[in-house]
Amino acid sequence: MPSYQRKDYYWQKAKEQGLPSRASFKIEEILKRFPLVQSGDWVLDLGSSPGGWSLILTKSVKKQGRVLALDLQTMNIQAENLDFFQGDFHSEAAQNWLQEKLGQKKIKALFSDMSPKLSGVFFKDAYDSYQLCLGALRLAKLYLKKGGHLVSKIFPGEEFPLYLQELKKNFAKVKTFEPQATRKSSREVYVLAMNYLDKENN
């Protein structure tokens, strides 16, 4: 285990509280600062494993709502208002699963904590992160209800302004946010795109 994890305050706090990961504190902070979901909402969680975000989201939407979670890796947390699909979110199987779960329903928010397989070469990792964010945005356009929200993690490189520009075309408000629970050595930033305009269906 990396030494930074053993010494990290939020990692220790997550362990003490029995949480899947430090990521739980990131989403808690985001939702406290920006109340994006409420009881009864349906939300999508991309890159959900090991479950830090999904766990908090299930509590936020309560039993009246639902969390649909997807990841390439397995996820061991369970909740009565949580459904999990293991696989590539781009895949036909994942799309079929989403359509089966949602039917005609639209989601209130899409959360993406996806990270590419890191190479250690920042410009490559940043580009791969950007591509994942574009994929999340494509899903948002398919499944978000008007007025819904997209929260995505990105490693901001040369393509970062292009991503912000694309979000501003589709959402009324776009903000960047760095939760306190983010490791000091990390370059990740969270982008909050709020109030989906749904121009195609206007």
Protein backbone atom coordinates (compact mmCIF):
# COMPACT_ATOMS: atom_id res chain seq x y z
CA MET A 1 0.00 0.00 0.00
CA PRO A 2 1.41 3.44 -0.90
CA SER A 3 2.78 5.38 2.05
CA TYR A 4 0.62 8.42 1.27
CA GLN A 5 -2.48 6.29 1.89
CA ARG A 6 -1.30 5.02 5.26
CA LYS A 7 -0.65 8.56 6.44
CA ASP A 8 -3.57 10.29 4.73
CA TYR A 9 -6.26 11.76 7.02
CA TYR A 10 -9.19 11.02 4.73
CA TRP A 11 -8.04 7.49 3.97
CA GLN A 12 -7.82 6.79 7.72
CA LYS A 13 -11.19 8.43 8.30
CA ALA A 14 -12.83 6.29 5.61
CA LYS A 15 -11.31 3.16 7.14
CA GLU A 16 -12.53 4.10 10.62
CA GLN A 17 -16.07 4.76 9.37
CA GLY A 18 -16.21 1.60 7.27
CA LEU A 19 -16.55 3.50 4.00
CA PRO A 20 -15.38 1.97 0.69
CA SER A 21 -12.92 4.79 -0.01
CA ARG A 22 -11.94 8.40 0.64
CA ALA A 23 -14.09 9.30 -2.38
CA SER A 24 -17.15 9.26 -0.11
CA PHE A 25 -15.93 12.48 1.48
CA LYS A 26 -15.51 14.12 -1.92
CA ILE A 27 -19.09 13.51 -2.99
CA GLU A 28 -20.37 14.46 0.48
CA GLU A 29 -18.59 17.79 0.18
CA ILE A 30 -19.87 18.37 -3.34
CA LEU A 31 -23.47 17.65 -2.37
CA LYS A 32 -23.24 19.78 0.76
CA ARG A 33 -21.95 22.72 -1.28
CA PHE A 34 -24.22 22.10 -4.27
CA PRO A 35 -27.54 20.37 -3.41
CA LEU A 36 -27.87 18.60 -6.75
CA VAL A 37 -30.11 15.69 -5.72
CA GLN A 38 -32.92 15.04 -3.30
CA SER A 39 -35.21 12.29 -2.12
CA GLY A 40 -36.84 10.43 -4.98
CA ASP A 41 -34.29 11.31 -7.67
CA TRP A 42 -32.78 8.76 -10.04
CA VAL A 43 -29.07 9.22 -10.69
CA LEU A 44 -26.30 7.55 -12.67
CA ASP A 45 -22.84 6.87 -11.17
CA LEU A 46 -20.06 6.14 -13.70
CA GLY A 47 -16.76 4.76 -12.46
CA SER A 48 -18.53 3.71 -9.29
CA SER A 49 -16.17 1.06 -7.87
CA PRO A 50 -15.37 0.54 -5.02
CA GLY A 51 -18.61 2.32 -4.15
CA GLY A 52 -17.70 5.47 -2.24
CA TRP A 53 -19.94 7.71 -4.32
CA SER A 54 -22.75 5.21 -4.79
CA LEU A 55 -23.04 4.69 -1.04
CA ILE A 56 -23.51 8.40 -0.37
CA LEU A 57 -25.84 8.83 -3.34
CA THR A 58 -28.14 6.02 -2.17
CA LYS A 59 -28.54 7.89 1.11
CA SER A 60 -29.11 11.21 -0.68
CA VAL A 61 -31.92 9.98 -2.95
CA LYS A 62 -33.34 7.79 -0.15
CA LYS A 63 -35.46 4.71 -0.75
CA GLN A 64 -37.81 6.66 -3.02
CA GLY A 65 -34.96 7.25 -5.50
CA ARG A 66 -32.49 5.01 -7.26
CA VAL A 67 -28.79 4.87 -8.11
CA LEU A 68 -27.66 3.14 -11.30
CA ALA A 69 -23.93 2.42 -11.07
CA LEU A 70 -21.47 1.22 -13.71
CA ASP A 71 -17.81 0.27 -13.56
CA LEU A 72 -15.30 -2.04 -15.21
CA GLN A 73 -14.37 -3.35 -11.74
CA THR A 74 -16.62 -5.19 -9.35
CA MET A 75 -18.39 -3.32 -6.53
CA ASN A 76 -19.29 -5.01 -3.26
CA ILE A 77 -21.62 -2.51 -1.60
CA GLN A 78 -25.34 -3.24 -1.62
CA ALA A 79 -28.45 -1.16 -1.06
CA GLU A 80 -32.09 -1.73 -1.91
CA ASN A 81 -32.08 1.39 -4.12
CA LEU A 82 -28.85 0.53 -5.97
CA ASP A 83 -28.40 -1.36 -9.24
CA PHE A 84 -24.91 -2.18 -10.53
CA PHE A 85 -23.62 -3.15 -13.97
CA GLN A 86 -20.05 -4.36 -14.39
CA GLY A 87 -18.70 -3.46 -17.81
CA ASP A 88 -17.70 -0.69 -20.20
CA PHE A 89 -20.21 2.16 -20.13
CA HIS A 90 -19.69 2.57 -23.90
CA SER A 91 -20.77 -1.00 -24.61
CA GLU A 92 -24.03 -2.07 -26.18
CA ALA A 93 -24.67 -4.29 -23.15
CA ALA A 94 -24.37 -1.30 -20.80
CA GLN A 95 -26.71 0.78 -22.96
CA ASN A 96 -29.25 -2.03 -23.06
CA TRP A 97 -29.03 -2.35 -19.28
CA LEU A 98 -29.61 1.37 -18.80
CA GLN A 99 -32.57 1.41 -21.16
CA GLU A 100 -34.06 -1.59 -19.39
CA LYS A 101 -33.70 0.06 -15.98
CA LEU A 102 -34.89 3.51 -17.05
CA GLY A 103 -37.57 2.83 -19.63
CA GLN A 104 -38.90 6.30 -20.42
CA LYS A 105 -37.60 7.78 -17.16
CA LYS A 106 -34.93 10.50 -17.15
CA ILE A 107 -32.28 10.91 -14.46
CA LYS A 108 -31.76 14.00 -12.30
CA ALA A 109 -27.96 13.82 -12.26
CA LEU A 110 -25.04 11.95 -13.75
CA PHE A 111 -21.91 11.58 -11.63
CA SER A 112 -18.63 10.51 -13.20
CA ASP A 113 -15.62 9.74 -11.03
CA MET A 114 -14.03 7.80 -13.89
CA SER A 115 -10.27 7.80 -14.25
CA PRO A 116 -8.25 6.40 -17.15
CA LYS A 117 -5.57 3.80 -16.67
CA LEU A 118 -2.73 6.11 -15.69
CA SER A 119 0.48 6.03 -17.69
CA GLY A 120 2.40 8.60 -15.64
CA VAL A 121 2.64 10.81 -18.74
CA PHE A 122 0.42 13.73 -17.82
CA PHE A 123 -0.56 14.93 -21.29
CA LYS A 124 -1.68 11.40 -22.19
CA ASP A 125 -3.54 10.88 -18.93
CA ALA A 126 -5.21 14.29 -19.33
CA TYR A 127 -6.30 13.45 -22.88
CA ASP A 128 -7.67 10.06 -21.84
CA SER A 129 -9.52 11.72 -18.96
CA TYR A 130 -10.99 14.25 -21.41
CA GLN A 131 -12.25 11.42 -23.61
CA LEU A 132 -13.97 9.78 -20.63
CA CYS A 133 -15.63 13.09 -19.81
CA LEU A 134 -16.90 13.43 -23.37
CA GLY A 135 -18.36 9.94 -23.04
CA ALA A 136 -20.12 10.96 -19.82
CA LEU A 137 -21.48 14.06 -21.57
CA ARG A 138 -22.86 11.92 -24.39
CA LEU A 139 -24.72 9.80 -21.84
CA ALA A 140 -25.95 12.94 -20.09
CA LYS A 141 -27.50 14.15 -23.34
CA LEU A 142 -29.31 10.83 -23.68
CA TYR A 143 -30.58 10.36 -20.15
CA LEU A 144 -30.64 13.69 -18.25
CA LYS A 145 -33.94 15.42 -17.69
CA LYS A 146 -34.13 19.13 -18.45
CA GLY A 147 -32.66 21.02 -15.50
CA GLY A 148 -30.51 18.04 -14.52
CA HIS A 149 -26.82 18.06 -13.62
CA LEU A 150 -23.52 16.47 -14.66
CA VAL A 151 -20.57 16.14 -12.26
CA SER A 152 -17.35 14.87 -13.83
CA LYS A 153 -13.76 14.37 -12.75
CA ILE A 154 -11.06 15.47 -15.16
CA PHE A 155 -7.30 15.88 -15.23
CA PRO A 156 -7.14 19.33 -16.82
CA GLY A 157 -4.74 19.39 -19.76
CA GLU A 158 -4.76 21.14 -23.13
CA GLU A 159 -8.26 19.88 -23.89
CA PHE A 160 -9.78 21.20 -20.66
CA PRO A 161 -11.02 24.52 -22.17
CA LEU A 162 -12.66 22.56 -24.99
CA TYR A 163 -14.55 20.45 -22.47
CA LEU A 164 -15.72 23.51 -20.55
CA GLN A 165 -16.82 25.11 -23.80
CA GLU A 166 -18.86 22.04 -24.73
CA LEU A 167 -20.51 21.98 -21.30
CA LYS A 168 -21.45 25.64 -21.52
CA LYS A 169 -23.33 24.91 -24.74
CA ASN A 170 -25.52 22.42 -22.92
CA PHE A 171 -25.84 23.65 -19.33
CA ALA A 172 -26.88 26.97 -17.82
CA LYS A 173 -24.05 27.04 -15.28
CA VAL A 174 -20.59 25.44 -15.19
CA LYS A 175 -18.23 25.54 -12.19
CA THR A 176 -14.99 23.83 -11.19
CA PHE A 177 -14.50 22.51 -7.68
CA GLU A 178 -11.69 20.84 -5.75
CA PRO A 179 -12.93 18.97 -2.66
CA GLN A 180 -10.76 19.11 0.44
CA ALA A 181 -10.66 15.30 0.46
CA THR A 182 -8.68 15.31 -2.80
CA ARG A 183 -5.07 14.28 -2.25
CA LYS A 184 -2.74 17.27 -2.35
CA SER A 185 -0.61 15.54 -4.98
CA SER A 186 -3.56 14.93 -7.29
CA ARG A 187 -4.22 17.11 -10.34
CA GLU A 188 -7.86 16.11 -10.59
CA VAL A 189 -10.61 18.72 -10.74
CA TYR A 190 -14.36 18.24 -10.59
CA VAL A 191 -16.54 20.08 -13.07
CA LEU A 192 -20.15 20.76 -12.13
CA ALA A 193 -22.43 21.41 -15.08
CA MET A 194 -25.81 22.45 -13.74
CA ASN A 195 -29.30 22.90 -15.19
CA TYR A 196 -29.23 20.93 -18.42
CA LEU A 197 -30.78 22.93 -21.26
CA ASP A 198 -31.92 19.95 -23.38
CA LYS A 199 -31.90 22.06 -26.53
CA GLU A 200 -32.70 19.11 -28.80
CA ASN A 201 -36.11 18.64 -27.20
CA ASN A 202 -37.06 22.30 -26.78
